[in-house]
C-alpha atoms as a PDB file:
ATOM      1  CA  MET A   1     -24.279   2.449  -7.610  1.00  0.00           C
ATOM      2  CA  SER A   2     -25.119   5.676  -8.973  1.00  0.00           C
ATOM      3  CA  GLU A   3     -22.634   7.212 -11.537  1.00  0.00           C
ATOM      4  CA  SER A   4     -23.387  10.672 -10.069  1.00  0.00           C
ATOM      5  CA  LEU A   5     -22.106   9.955  -6.660  1.00  0.00           C
ATOM      6  CA  SER A   6     -19.379  11.929  -5.766  1.00  0.00           C
ATOM      7  CA  TYR A   7     -16.356  10.512  -3.693  1.00  0.00           C
ATOM      8  CA  ARG A   8     -13.995  12.189  -1.212  1.00  0.00           C
ATOM      9  CA  ASN A   9     -10.833  10.753  -3.014  1.00  0.00           C
ATOM     10  CA  SER A  10      -9.766   8.103  -5.225  1.00  0.00           C
ATOM     11  CA  ILE A  11      -9.525   5.558  -2.280  1.00  0.00           C
ATOM     12  CA  ASP A  12     -13.283   6.412  -1.326  1.00  0.00           C
ATOM     13  CA  LYS A  13     -14.235   5.614  -4.737  1.00  0.00           C
ATOM     14  CA  GLN A  14     -12.417   2.079  -5.057  1.00  0.00           C
ATOM     15  CA  LEU A  15     -13.742   0.948  -1.764  1.00  0.00           C
ATOM     16  CA  SER A  16     -17.362   2.327  -2.636  1.00  0.00           C
ATOM     17  CA  MET A  17     -17.268   0.452  -5.723  1.00  0.00           C
ATOM     18  CA  LEU A  18     -16.082  -2.904  -3.831  1.00  0.00           C
ATOM     19  CA  ALA A  19     -18.544  -2.203  -1.084  1.00  0.00           C
ATOM     20  CA  GLU A  20     -21.565  -1.700  -3.599  1.00  0.00           C
ATOM     21  CA  ASP A  21     -23.461   0.639  -1.099  1.00  0.00           C
ATOM     22  CA  ASP A  22     -23.005  -1.737   2.028  1.00  0.00           C
ATOM     23  CA  LYS A  23     -21.784   1.095   4.652  1.00  0.00           C
ATOM     24  CA  GLU A  24     -20.902  -1.606   7.085  1.00  0.00           C
ATOM     25  CA  PHE A  25     -18.690  -3.548   4.978  1.00  0.00           C
ATOM     26  CA  LYS A  26     -16.870  -0.124   3.425  1.00  0.00           C
ATOM     27  CA  ALA A  27     -16.399   0.802   7.363  1.00  0.00           C
ATOM     28  CA  GLU A  28     -14.620  -2.530   7.787  1.00  0.00           C
ATOM     29  CA  LEU A  29     -12.657  -2.172   4.662  1.00  0.00           C
ATOM     30  CA  ILE A  30     -11.653   1.294   5.691  1.00  0.00           C
ATOM     31  CA  GLY A  31     -10.242  -0.476   9.073  1.00  0.00           C
ATOM     32  CA  ILE A  32      -8.501  -3.310   7.316  1.00  0.00           C
ATOM     33  CA  TYR A  33      -6.788  -0.925   4.930  1.00  0.00           C
ATOM     34  CA  THR A  34      -5.767   1.436   7.585  1.00  0.00           C
ATOM     35  CA  GLU A  35      -4.053  -1.308   9.418  1.00  0.00           C
ATOM     36  CA  TYR A  36      -2.296  -2.548   6.174  1.00  0.00           C
ATOM     37  CA  MET A  37      -0.750   0.814   5.375  1.00  0.00           C
ATOM     38  CA  ASP A  38       0.499   1.009   9.072  1.00  0.00           C
ATOM     39  CA  GLU A  39       1.896  -2.555   8.707  1.00  0.00           C
ATOM     40  CA  ILE A  40       3.430  -2.061   5.074  1.00  0.00           C
ATOM     41  CA  GLN A  41       5.391   1.284   6.222  1.00  0.00           C
ATOM     42  CA  TYR A  42       6.860  -0.877   9.309  1.00  0.00           C
ATOM     43  CA  GLU A  43       7.396  -4.129   7.603  1.00  0.00           C
ATOM     44  CA  PHE A  44       8.756  -2.889   4.254  1.00  0.00           C
ATOM     45  CA  ALA A  45      11.470  -0.683   6.214  1.00  0.00           C
ATOM     46  CA  LEU A  46      12.705  -3.374   8.483  1.00  0.00           C
ATOM     47  CA  LEU A  47      12.780  -6.143   5.522  1.00  0.00           C
ATOM     48  CA  LEU A  48      14.588  -3.874   3.073  1.00  0.00           C
ATOM     49  CA  ARG A  49      17.073  -2.679   5.675  1.00  0.00           C
ATOM     50  CA  LYS A  50      17.625  -6.522   6.695  1.00  0.00           C
ATOM     51  CA  LYS A  51      17.853  -7.461   3.021  1.00  0.00           C
ATOM     52  CA  ASP A  52      15.285  -9.923   3.623  1.00  0.00           C
ATOM     53  CA  GLN A  53      14.486 -11.068   0.240  1.00  0.00           C
ATOM     54  CA  GLU A  54      12.011 -13.869   1.273  1.00  0.00           C
ATOM     55  CA  GLY A  55      10.238 -11.540   3.813  1.00  0.00           C
ATOM     56  CA  LEU A  56       9.998  -8.813   1.105  1.00  0.00           C
ATOM     57  CA  ALA A  57       8.494 -11.111  -1.280  1.00  0.00           C
ATOM     58  CA  LEU A  58       5.974 -12.524   1.203  1.00  0.00           C
ATOM     59  CA  LEU A  59       4.940  -9.057   2.206  1.00  0.00           C
ATOM     60  CA  HIS A  60       4.338  -8.158  -1.432  1.00  0.00           C
ATOM     61  CA  HIS A  61       2.575 -10.847  -2.097  1.00  0.00           C
ATOM     62  CA  LYS A  62       0.294 -10.293   0.906  1.00  0.00           C
ATOM     63  CA  HIS A  63      -0.381  -6.768  -0.232  1.00  0.00           C
ATOM     64  CA  LYS A  64      -0.895  -7.343  -4.236  1.00  0.00           C
ATOM     65  CA  THR A  65      -4.547  -7.276  -3.444  1.00  0.00           C
ATOM     66  CA  THR A  66      -4.387  -4.019  -1.203  1.00  0.00           C
ATOM     67  CA  CYS A  67      -2.398  -2.417  -4.084  1.00  0.00           C
ATOM     68  CA  HIS A  68      -4.971  -3.463  -6.660  1.00  0.00           C
ATOM     69  CA  VAL A  69      -8.216  -2.716  -4.363  1.00  0.00           C
ATOM     70  CA  LEU A  70      -6.922   0.771  -3.408  1.00  0.00           C
ATOM     71  CA  ALA A  71      -5.522   1.632  -7.039  1.00  0.00           C
ATOM     72  CA  LEU A  72      -1.789   1.962  -5.630  1.00  0.00           C
ATOM     73  CA  GLN A  73       0.196   1.142  -8.422  1.00  0.00           C
ATOM     74  CA  ALA A  74       3.284   3.229  -7.254  1.00  0.00           C
ATOM     75  CA  LEU A  75       3.127   0.968  -4.034  1.00  0.00           C
ATOM     76  CA  ASN A  76       3.318  -2.002  -5.928  1.00  0.00           C
ATOM     77  CA  ASP A  77       6.166  -0.658  -8.125  1.00  0.00           C
ATOM     78  CA  ALA A  78       8.075   0.282  -4.848  1.00  0.00           C
ATOM     79  CA  PHE A  79       7.933  -3.109  -3.988  1.00  0.00           C
ATOM     80  CA  GLU A  80       8.845  -4.342  -7.488  1.00  0.00           C
ATOM     81  CA  ARG A  81      12.158  -1.929  -7.313  1.00  0.00           C
ATOM     82  CA  ALA A  82      12.838  -2.907  -3.728  1.00  0.00           C
ATOM     83  CA  ARG A  83      12.936  -6.548  -4.451  1.00  0.00           C
ATOM     84  CA  SER A  84      14.963  -6.208  -7.695  1.00  0.00           C
ATOM     85  CA  LEU A  85      17.345  -4.051  -5.695  1.00  0.00           C
ATOM     86  CA  LEU A  86      17.746  -6.933  -3.313  1.00  0.00           C
ATOM     87  CA  THR A  87      18.635  -9.417  -5.962  1.00  0.00           C
ATOM     88  CA  THR A  88      21.284  -7.312  -7.759  1.00  0.00           C
ATOM     89  CA  PRO A  89      24.074  -6.785  -5.007  1.00  0.00           C
ATOM     90  CA  PRO A  90      25.660  -4.784  -3.971  1.00  0.00           C
ATOM     91  CA  SER A  91      22.440  -3.039  -2.401  1.00  0.00           C
ATOM     92  CA  ASP A  92      22.837   0.546  -2.095  1.00  0.00           C
ATOM     93  CA  SER A  93      21.551   1.861   1.188  1.00  0.00           C
ATOM     94  CA  GLY A  94      20.833   5.307  -0.182  1.00  0.00           C
ATOM     95  CA  THR A  95      18.510   3.475  -2.954  1.00  0.00           C
ATOM     96  CA  GLN A  96      17.086   1.624  -0.081  1.00  0.00           C
ATOM     97  CA  GLU A  97      16.283   4.707   2.140  1.00  0.00           C
ATOM     98  CA  VAL A  98      14.794   6.469  -1.249  1.00  0.00           C
ATOM     99  CA  LEU A  99      12.428   3.551  -1.480  1.00  0.00           C
ATOM    100  CA  ILE A 100      11.597   3.386   2.200  1.00  0.00           C
ATOM    101  CA  SER A 101      10.917   7.056   1.930  1.00  0.00           C
ATOM    102  CA  GLN A 102       8.667   6.531  -1.111  1.00  0.00           C
ATOM    103  CA  VAL A 103       6.521   3.766   0.436  1.00  0.00           C
ATOM    104  CA  ASN A 104       6.148   5.846   3.680  1.00  0.00           C
ATOM    105  CA  THR A 105       4.795   8.626   1.785  1.00  0.00           C
ATOM    106  CA  ILE A 106       2.255   6.406  -0.363  1.00  0.00           C
ATOM    107  CA  CYS A 107       0.964   4.868   3.002  1.00  0.00           C
ATOM    108  CA  ARG A 108       0.781   8.117   4.684  1.00  0.00           C
ATOM    109  CA  ASP A 109      -1.241   9.653   1.505  1.00  0.00           C
ATOM    110  CA  ALA A 110      -3.584   6.507   1.717  1.00  0.00           C
ATOM    111  CA  LEU A 111      -4.037   6.721   5.427  1.00  0.00           C
ATOM    112  CA  ALA A 112      -5.241  10.255   5.050  1.00  0.00           C
ATOM    113  CA  GLN A 113      -7.444   9.388   2.290  1.00  0.00           C
ATOM    114  CA  LEU A 114      -8.827   6.461   4.562  1.00  0.00           C
ATOM    115  CA  GLN A 115      -9.151   8.939   7.288  1.00  0.00           C
ATOM    116  CA  ASP A 116     -11.173  11.390   5.117  1.00  0.00           C
ATOM    117  CA  ILE A 117     -13.901   8.912   4.066  1.00  0.00           C
END
């Protein structure tokens, strides 16, 4: 892949490097990660509000690669903070809502970047 290529955004750069000029594979990745961003928003909020530590840990584990591939360290950090919040009672619902809002913002931004590719 040529260093002189320009990318539409940071996720485009990440997926382009991963796909190594395979446009079909890149299109598949865009579809997969678009679904994941929708899933993360819904599941994160549901699990955090239910205080489901195990479910949140499983969701985080499932999407560690997503966070890495799309260079979404802030999303990984939000998962870590949420898991920590649930293991140190009492859990503050205001803090939960802030985390849910942060995750929704991260996922919406990622979705916008995916749609822009």
